[in-house]
Amino acid sequence: MPRKVAVPVRKLIPARFAPLFIDWTFKIVFGKPAGIPLLIALLNDFLRKVLPTPIKEIKFIPTELLGVAPNSKKVIFDILCEDGSKSTYLLEMQNAKLENADDRLRLYIARIQSENIDRGNRDYALPGSFFIGILNHKRDNGKYFFTEEGWVNLQTKKLASNKEFKIFVELPKFNKKASECKTFRDKIVFLLKNLHILEERPDNFSEKIFDRIFSVSEICKLNRDELKAYRYSMRYVDERKLAIDCAVKDAVKDSTIAVTRQVKRQRNREIARAMLADGLDPAFIARYIKLPLSQINRLR
């Protein structure tokens, strides 16, 4: 009787931490009062080129803006806050690429400015408006994962205003390993992209500012309501990804069918030209090539 040999099977290890890029984790980590120190650290680091002084205090403001007319569409943001000078900071996590995303953003910033300006002020002294978009997709084909955009004087090449500034962080373009992350910026972006695949907290992520991320995202410590919200958020991301993948496959399939038909029509036209050159009757050609007689006559 042949001897039985045990075959090693790789043990499947369930995720320890919830993804930081899903709606539930993102808002729990950054959008609650206990997350304000981490949010301030992120804002000060990402916006350090335009902030006149570091942010010390912020408060959350409503993330739902109603339309200016009864039938207007309302807008709901992820995280919206303001500092003592009424400058607003919008932090958004985007897991899918949106059509006309830049135009949408311009509209959102205008809505925020309009909502928060003092109605009795006639000198148009608008507070600052700052946007930070964490993108779980590539915005363009550039190589930089961290992009800063603002009003620039084309002659001097200098920033013309520090009151409106946009940051785009493209997670797919960030490729550093945990051990290679030295700065706060590198570490927070690494966690935004990779928290869910970590089995333990990296040794070089020991700073107290990151404690909240690892504590609230640990799945085994979630209560019943938190676990339900986490699973719902995960299902939404999974279903959206499946819908996008399906749409891409359908588009490729439709494109392939269209190209095949175009190639077939072109081949039939070439055959028809050859038959005409041999002196065959156009009606005879149309019958066998399956092309309208009018098209055959135009090939003569």
Protein backbone atom coordinates (compact mmCIF):
# COMPACT_ATOMS: atom_id res chain seq x y z
CA MET A 1 0.00 0.00 0.00
CA PRO A 2 1.49 3.35 -0.98
CA ARG A 3 2.59 5.55 1.82
CA LYS A 4 0.46 8.66 2.41
CA VAL A 5 2.31 11.95 2.26
CA ALA A 6 0.95 15.09 3.86
CA VAL A 7 0.76 17.99 1.42
CA PRO A 8 1.31 21.39 3.08
CA VAL A 9 -1.55 23.80 2.51
CA ARG A 10 -1.04 27.54 2.89
CA LYS A 11 -3.13 28.81 5.77
CA LEU A 12 -5.55 31.54 4.78
CA ILE A 13 -5.18 34.42 7.22
CA PRO A 14 -8.24 36.70 7.47
CA ALA A 15 -7.68 40.43 7.36
CA ARG A 16 -6.81 41.97 10.71
CA PHE A 17 -7.49 45.58 9.80
CA ALA A 18 -10.33 47.10 7.79
CA PRO A 19 -9.29 48.96 4.62
CA LEU A 20 -8.74 52.63 5.36
CA PHE A 21 -10.07 53.58 1.91
CA ILE A 22 -13.63 52.30 2.46
CA ASP A 23 -16.30 54.75 3.54
CA TRP A 24 -16.84 53.42 7.06
CA THR A 25 -13.20 53.24 8.17
CA PHE A 26 -12.27 56.53 6.49
CA LYS A 27 -15.00 58.49 8.27
CA ILE A 28 -14.48 56.76 11.64
CA VAL A 29 -10.73 57.47 11.59
CA PHE A 30 -10.77 61.05 10.29
CA GLY A 31 -14.35 62.28 10.71
CA LYS A 32 -14.96 61.91 14.46
CA PRO A 33 -13.88 64.28 17.27
CA ALA A 34 -11.31 61.76 18.48
CA GLY A 35 -9.71 61.84 15.03
CA ILE A 36 -9.16 65.61 14.96
CA PRO A 37 -5.45 65.46 15.96
CA LEU A 38 -4.74 63.03 13.10
CA LEU A 39 -6.81 65.11 10.67
CA ILE A 40 -4.97 68.30 11.67
CA ALA A 41 -1.62 66.53 11.19
CA LEU A 42 -2.71 65.43 7.70
CA LEU A 43 -3.94 68.91 6.72
CA ASN A 44 -0.79 70.64 7.98
CA ASP A 45 1.47 68.21 6.13
CA PHE A 46 -0.41 68.09 2.83
CA LEU A 47 -1.10 71.85 2.71
CA ARG A 48 2.17 73.11 4.14
CA LYS A 49 3.04 75.08 0.97
CA VAL A 50 0.00 77.34 1.23
CA LEU A 51 -0.96 77.57 4.90
CA PRO A 52 0.20 80.91 6.37
CA THR A 53 0.43 79.28 9.81
CA PRO A 54 -0.11 75.69 10.93
CA ILE A 55 -3.67 74.71 11.77
CA LYS A 56 -4.21 74.34 15.52
CA GLU A 57 -7.95 73.86 15.84
CA ILE A 58 -10.73 72.74 13.52
CA LYS A 59 -14.39 71.92 13.89
CA PHE A 60 -16.56 69.71 11.75
CA ILE A 61 -19.35 71.35 9.79
CA PRO A 62 -22.34 69.68 8.09
CA THR A 63 -21.33 67.54 5.13
CA GLU A 64 -24.72 67.83 3.43
CA LEU A 65 -25.38 70.93 1.35
CA LEU A 66 -28.88 71.46 0.04
CA GLY A 67 -29.48 72.86 -3.44
CA VAL A 68 -30.08 76.55 -4.01
CA ALA A 69 -33.51 75.74 -5.46
CA PRO A 70 -36.20 73.30 -4.19
CA ASN A 71 -35.53 70.87 -7.06
CA SER A 72 -31.74 71.18 -6.94
CA LYS A 73 -29.64 68.15 -6.14
CA LYS A 74 -28.06 68.09 -2.69
CA VAL A 75 -24.37 67.35 -2.22
CA ILE A 76 -22.96 65.05 0.48
CA PHE A 77 -19.24 65.16 1.26
CA ASP A 78 -17.08 62.73 3.22
CA ILE A 79 -15.40 65.11 5.68
CA LEU A 80 -15.82 68.89 5.83
CA CYS A 81 -14.32 71.12 8.51
CA GLU A 82 -13.26 74.71 9.13
CA ASP A 83 -10.68 76.54 11.20
CA GLY A 84 -10.97 79.76 13.21
CA SER A 85 -10.68 81.94 10.10
CA LYS A 86 -13.62 80.12 8.47
CA SER A 87 -11.33 78.53 5.88
CA THR A 88 -12.85 75.22 4.86
CA TYR A 89 -11.15 71.89 4.30
CA LEU A 90 -12.81 69.18 2.24
CA LEU A 91 -11.39 65.67 2.49
CA GLU A 92 -12.77 63.11 0.03
CA MET A 93 -12.06 59.43 -0.52
CA GLN A 94 -12.81 58.37 -4.11
CA ASN A 95 -12.78 54.68 -5.00
CA ALA A 96 -14.04 55.09 -8.56
CA LYS A 97 -13.12 57.46 -11.37
CA LEU A 98 -15.90 59.94 -12.09
CA GLU A 99 -16.71 61.59 -15.38
CA ASN A 100 -15.98 65.34 -15.40
CA ALA A 101 -14.44 65.02 -11.92
CA ASP A 102 -12.56 68.33 -12.12
CA ASP A 103 -15.71 70.23 -13.11
CA ARG A 104 -17.64 68.60 -10.29
CA LEU A 105 -14.94 69.70 -7.87
CA ARG A 106 -15.10 73.31 -9.08
CA LEU A 107 -18.84 73.28 -8.46
CA TYR A 108 -18.45 71.74 -4.99
CA ILE A 109 -15.89 74.36 -3.92
CA ALA A 110 -18.14 77.14 -5.20
CA ARG A 111 -21.06 75.68 -3.23
CA ILE A 112 -18.96 75.52 -0.06
CA GLN A 113 -17.77 79.11 -0.47
CA SER A 114 -21.29 80.31 -1.12
CA GLU A 115 -22.62 78.44 1.91
CA ASN A 116 -20.09 79.78 4.38
CA ILE A 117 -19.64 83.42 3.31
CA ASP A 118 -21.12 86.07 5.57
CA ARG A 119 -24.26 87.20 3.75
CA GLY A 120 -23.84 90.79 4.96
CA ASN A 121 -20.26 91.09 3.69
CA ARG A 122 -20.03 93.06 0.47
CA ASP A 123 -16.25 93.22 0.02
CA TYR A 124 -16.08 89.59 -1.23
CA ALA A 125 -13.39 88.64 1.29
CA LEU A 126 -13.81 84.91 0.82
CA PRO A 127 -12.19 82.53 3.29
CA GLY A 128 -9.84 79.88 2.00
CA SER A 129 -11.13 76.67 0.44
CA PHE A 130 -8.90 73.62 0.37
CA PHE A 131 -9.56 70.21 -1.13
CA ILE A 132 -7.72 66.94 -0.54
CA GLY A 133 -8.78 64.02 -2.70
CA ILE A 134 -7.56 60.53 -1.86
CA LEU A 135 -7.98 58.59 -5.11
CA ASN A 136 -8.02 54.82 -5.25
CA HIS A 137 -7.46 55.06 -9.00
CA LYS A 138 -5.13 56.84 -11.39
CA ARG A 139 -6.19 60.36 -12.27
CA ASP A 140 -3.83 60.56 -15.23
CA ASN A 141 -0.74 58.92 -16.69
CA GLY A 142 1.71 61.05 -14.72
CA LYS A 143 4.28 59.46 -12.42
CA TYR A 144 3.69 61.50 -9.24
CA PHE A 145 1.35 60.14 -6.56
CA PHE A 146 1.04 63.55 -4.85
CA THR A 147 -0.19 66.44 -7.00
CA GLU A 148 -0.73 70.05 -5.89
CA GLU A 149 -2.88 72.45 -7.89
CA GLY A 150 -3.59 76.13 -7.35
CA TRP A 151 -3.86 79.50 -9.07
CA VAL A 152 -0.52 80.22 -10.70
CA ASN A 153 0.72 83.41 -12.37
CA LEU A 154 1.84 82.18 -15.79
CA GLN A 155 4.47 84.92 -16.11
CA THR A 156 6.13 84.56 -12.73
CA LYS A 157 5.33 80.85 -12.33
CA LYS A 158 4.44 81.63 -8.70
CA LEU A 159 1.30 80.92 -6.76
CA ALA A 160 -1.14 83.78 -7.32
CA SER A 161 -3.45 82.93 -4.43
CA ASN A 162 -3.23 80.70 -1.38
CA LYS A 163 -6.99 80.76 -0.77
CA GLU A 164 -7.92 77.93 -3.10
CA PHE A 165 -5.75 74.87 -3.33
CA LYS A 166 -6.27 71.25 -4.33
CA ILE A 167 -4.33 68.13 -3.46
CA PHE A 168 -4.71 64.82 -5.26
CA VAL A 169 -3.20 61.67 -3.76
CA GLU A 170 -3.26 58.74 -6.22
CA LEU A 171 -2.83 55.56 -4.21
CA PRO A 172 -2.01 53.24 -7.16
CA LYS A 173 1.09 55.35 -7.89
CA PHE A 174 2.48 54.99 -4.35
CA ASN A 175 4.81 51.98 -4.33
CA LYS A 176 6.92 52.29 -1.18
CA LYS A 177 7.18 49.42 1.28
CA ALA A 178 6.45 49.99 4.96
CA SER A 179 10.16 49.90 5.79
CA GLU A 180 10.85 52.62 3.20
CA CYS A 181 8.37 55.11 4.72
CA LYS A 182 10.23 57.74 6.72
CA THR A 183 7.96 60.81 6.73
CA PHE A 184 4.44 61.35 8.05
CA ARG A 185 3.21 61.81 4.48
CA ASP A 186 4.65 58.52 3.28
CA LYS A 187 3.30 56.66 6.29
CA ILE A 188 -0.26 58.00 6.10
CA VAL A 189 -0.44 57.33 2.34
CA PHE A 190 0.96 53.83 2.89
CA LEU A 191 -1.77 53.13 5.44
CA LEU A 192 -4.48 54.55 3.20
CA LYS A 193 -3.44 52.08 0.52
CA ASN A 194 -2.21 49.05 2.48
CA LEU A 195 -3.72 48.95 5.99
CA HIS A 196 -5.98 46.00 5.14
CA ILE A 197 -3.09 43.75 4.05
CA LEU A 198 -1.01 44.28 7.20
CA GLU A 199 -0.84 41.45 9.72
CA GLU A 200 0.66 43.68 12.38
CA ARG A 201 1.70 47.28 12.98
CA PRO A 202 5.08 48.01 11.31
CA ASP A 203 7.86 48.81 13.76
CA ASN A 204 8.58 52.19 12.17
CA PHE A 205 4.92 53.27 12.53
CA SER A 206 5.21 53.59 16.32
CA GLU A 207 4.28 57.31 16.48
CA LYS A 208 1.32 58.01 18.77
CA ILE A 209 -0.45 59.95 15.99
CA PHE A 210 -1.12 56.62 14.23
CA ASP A 211 -2.60 54.86 17.29
CA ARG A 212 -6.16 55.70 16.30
CA ILE A 213 -5.83 54.15 12.84
CA PHE A 214 -4.70 50.78 14.19
CA SER A 215 -7.10 50.73 17.15
CA VAL A 216 -10.42 51.57 15.47
CA SER A 217 -9.78 49.55 12.31
CA GLU A 218 -9.00 46.23 14.01
CA ILE A 219 -11.86 44.03 12.85
CA CYS A 220 -11.91 41.61 15.79
CA LYS A 221 -12.57 44.51 18.18
CA LEU A 222 -15.62 45.88 16.36
CA ASN A 223 -18.98 45.68 18.11
CA ARG A 224 -22.07 44.34 16.36
CA ASP A 225 -23.16 47.68 14.86
CA GLU A 226 -19.63 48.57 13.75
CA LEU A 227 -19.17 45.17 12.13
CA LYS A 228 -22.46 45.56 10.28
CA ALA A 229 -21.45 49.02 9.00
CA TYR A 230 -18.02 47.72 7.99
CA ARG A 231 -19.47 44.81 6.04
CA TYR A 232 -21.98 47.06 4.30
CA SER A 233 -19.20 49.45 3.27
CA MET A 234 -17.09 46.57 1.99
CA ARG A 235 -20.00 45.17 0.01
CA TYR A 236 -20.63 48.55 -1.59
CA VAL A 237 -17.00 48.81 -2.74
CA ASP A 238 -16.99 45.22 -4.03
CA GLU A 239 -20.27 45.65 -5.93
CA ARG A 240 -19.10 48.92 -7.46
CA LYS A 241 -15.85 47.33 -8.59
CA LEU A 242 -17.76 44.39 -10.11
CA ALA A 243 -20.08 46.81 -11.93
CA ILE A 244 -17.10 48.72 -13.35
CA ASP A 245 -15.33 45.49 -14.40
CA CYS A 246 -18.53 44.27 -16.07
CA ALA A 247 -18.94 47.59 -17.92
CA VAL A 248 -15.34 47.40 -19.14
CA LYS A 249 -15.82 43.82 -20.39
CA ASP A 250 -19.03 44.78 -22.18
CA ALA A 251 -17.32 47.76 -23.80
CA VAL A 252 -14.43 45.56 -25.00
CA LYS A 253 -16.89 42.98 -26.31
CA ASP A 254 -18.97 45.59 -28.16
CA SER A 255 -15.81 47.15 -29.59
CA THR A 256 -14.58 43.74 -30.79
CA ILE A 257 -17.92 42.99 -32.47
CA ALA A 258 -17.94 46.41 -34.15
CA VAL A 259 -14.38 45.97 -35.43
CA THR A 260 -15.19 42.45 -36.72
CA ARG A 261 -18.19 43.75 -38.64
CA GLN A 262 -16.18 46.62 -40.07
CA VAL A 263 -13.43 44.24 -41.23
CA LYS A 264 -16.01 41.96 -42.84
CA ARG A 265 -17.65 44.86 -44.71
CA GLN A 266 -14.27 46.08 -45.95
CA ARG A 267 -13.38 42.57 -47.17
CA ASN A 268 -16.71 42.27 -49.01
CA ARG A 269 -16.11 45.62 -50.72
CA GLU A 270 -12.69 44.45 -51.90
CA ILE A 271 -14.20 41.23 -53.29
CA ALA A 272 -16.92 43.24 -55.03
CA ARG A 273 -14.30 45.51 -56.68
CA ALA A 274 -12.41 42.45 -57.97
CA MET A 275 -15.61 40.95 -59.39
CA LEU A 276 -16.52 44.25 -61.06
CA ALA A 277 -13.04 44.38 -62.58
CA ASP A 278 -13.70 40.93 -64.06
CA GLY A 279 -16.84 42.30 -65.73
CA LEU A 280 -19.46 40.56 -63.60
CA ASP A 281 -22.95 42.04 -63.36
CA PRO A 282 -23.49 44.30 -60.30
CA ALA A 283 -26.85 42.64 -59.49
CA PHE A 284 -25.15 39.23 -59.51
CA ILE A 285 -22.40 40.53 -57.18
CA ALA A 286 -24.95 42.10 -54.79
CA ARG A 287 -26.83 38.81 -54.54
CA TYR A 288 -23.79 36.80 -53.45
CA ILE A 289 -21.74 39.38 -51.52
CA LYS A 290 -24.75 40.51 -49.47
CA LEU A 291 -24.16 44.20 -50.19
CA PRO A 292 -26.83 46.65 -51.38
CA LEU A 293 -26.81 47.21 -55.14
CA SER A 294 -26.36 50.95 -54.55
CA GLN A 295 -23.06 50.26 -52.74
CA ILE A 296 -21.89 47.97 -55.56
CA ASN A 297 -22.60 50.68 -58.12
CA ARG A 298 -20.59 53.22 -56.10
CA LEU A 299 -17.57 50.90 -56.24
CA ARG A 300 -17.45 51.02 -60.05
